[in-house]
Amino acid sequence: MTTLSPTQARVNLSSLLKRAANGEDIGILHGDKVIALRPVSIHADDYALREYGVTEEELERFVKRADQQINRERKAGKIKNYSGNLEADLAD
């Protein structure tokens, strides 16, 4: 395991995150403990429940309503595709 101080980790954070995402064990010292950097899976329903207290059923109803609204706006011509050039898209 590669172990670094918080200062060393801060300087190399992007690189450390890439290495951890690729499976390398990375640890950051915090007092007398080592805090590990590891990728974790986050599921929308888990996040919604933890952060907002929204149940899976409530989330599914919201997604269905949002999809319906997006489809209505797309049919009405209110939604534009993003070309990658924000200034050009805003000028249209």
Protein backbone atom coordinates (compact mmCIF):
# COMPACT_ATOMS: atom_id res chain seq x y z
CA MET A 1 0.00 0.00 0.00
CA THR A 2 1.22 3.46 -0.89
CA THR A 3 0.80 5.69 2.17
CA LEU A 4 1.03 9.48 2.05
CA SER A 5 0.58 12.48 4.27
CA PRO A 6 -2.42 14.74 3.56
CA THR A 7 -0.06 17.33 2.06
CA GLN A 8 1.49 14.79 -0.32
CA ALA A 9 -1.96 13.49 -1.23
CA ARG A 10 -3.28 17.00 -1.92
CA VAL A 11 -0.45 17.73 -4.33
CA ASN A 12 -0.97 14.46 -6.25
CA LEU A 13 -4.71 13.96 -5.77
CA SER A 14 -5.70 13.48 -9.43
CA SER A 15 -2.96 10.93 -9.96
CA LEU A 16 -3.80 9.13 -6.71
CA LEU A 17 -7.48 8.94 -7.60
CA LYS A 18 -6.66 7.41 -10.99
CA ARG A 19 -4.33 4.88 -9.37
CA ALA A 20 -6.94 3.97 -6.73
CA ALA A 21 -9.61 3.64 -9.45
CA ASN A 22 -7.29 1.17 -11.20
CA GLY A 23 -7.10 -1.00 -8.08
CA GLU A 24 -3.94 0.25 -6.38
CA ASP A 25 -4.11 0.49 -2.59
CA ILE A 26 -3.62 4.12 -1.58
CA GLY A 27 -3.70 5.32 2.03
CA ILE A 28 -3.62 8.77 3.57
CA LEU A 29 -2.37 9.19 7.13
CA HIS A 30 -4.74 10.92 9.51
CA GLY A 31 -3.33 11.00 13.01
CA ASP A 32 -2.54 7.39 13.88
CA LYS A 33 -4.93 5.96 11.25
CA VAL A 34 -4.63 5.22 7.56
CA ILE A 35 -7.64 6.24 5.48
CA ALA A 36 -7.91 4.20 2.28
CA LEU A 37 -8.87 5.56 -1.14
CA ARG A 38 -11.08 3.03 -2.88
CA PRO A 39 -13.72 3.20 -5.56
CA VAL A 40 -17.25 2.47 -4.37
CA SER A 41 -20.45 1.80 -6.25
CA ILE A 42 -23.19 4.33 -5.73
CA HIS A 43 -26.70 3.52 -6.86
CA ALA A 44 -29.19 6.32 -7.43
CA ASP A 45 -31.77 4.72 -5.13
CA ASP A 46 -29.22 4.30 -2.31
CA TYR A 47 -28.08 7.91 -2.69
CA ALA A 48 -31.63 9.27 -2.82
CA LEU A 49 -32.60 7.35 0.31
CA ARG A 50 -29.49 8.34 2.27
CA GLU A 51 -29.39 11.96 1.19
CA TYR A 52 -33.06 12.84 0.83
CA GLY A 53 -35.06 10.09 2.53
CA VAL A 54 -36.66 9.15 -0.80
CA THR A 55 -37.82 5.55 -1.17
CA GLU A 56 -37.18 3.49 -4.29
CA GLU A 57 -40.85 3.76 -5.27
CA GLU A 58 -40.83 7.55 -4.89
CA LEU A 59 -37.67 7.76 -6.97
CA GLU A 60 -39.20 5.59 -9.72
CA ARG A 61 -42.32 7.82 -9.82
CA PHE A 62 -40.13 10.92 -10.05
CA VAL A 63 -38.04 9.45 -12.87
CA LYS A 64 -41.18 8.48 -14.79
CA ARG A 65 -42.64 12.01 -14.41
CA ALA A 66 -39.33 13.62 -15.40
CA ASP A 67 -39.04 11.38 -18.48
CA GLN A 68 -42.59 12.28 -19.50
CA GLN A 69 -41.87 15.99 -19.11
CA ILE A 70 -38.65 15.71 -21.11
CA ASN A 71 -40.49 13.87 -23.89
CA ARG A 72 -43.22 16.56 -24.00
CA GLU A 73 -40.65 19.34 -24.17
CA ARG A 74 -38.64 17.48 -26.82
CA LYS A 75 -41.78 17.09 -28.98
CA ALA A 76 -42.58 20.79 -28.50
CA GLY A 77 -39.08 21.73 -29.72
CA LYS A 78 -38.07 23.23 -26.39
CA ILE A 79 -35.05 20.95 -25.92
CA LYS A 80 -31.90 21.46 -27.97
CA ASN A 81 -29.03 19.02 -28.28
CA TYR A 82 -25.76 20.29 -26.85
CA SER A 83 -23.15 20.52 -29.62
CA GLY A 84 -20.18 20.91 -27.28
CA ASN A 85 -19.92 24.64 -28.02
CA LEU A 86 -21.92 26.49 -25.37
CA GLU A 87 -21.48 29.94 -26.92
CA ALA A 88 -22.73 28.77 -30.32
CA ASP A 89 -25.67 26.94 -28.76
CA LEU A 90 -26.69 30.00 -26.74
CA ALA A 91 -26.43 32.22 -29.83
CA ASP A 92 -29.07 30.13 -31.68
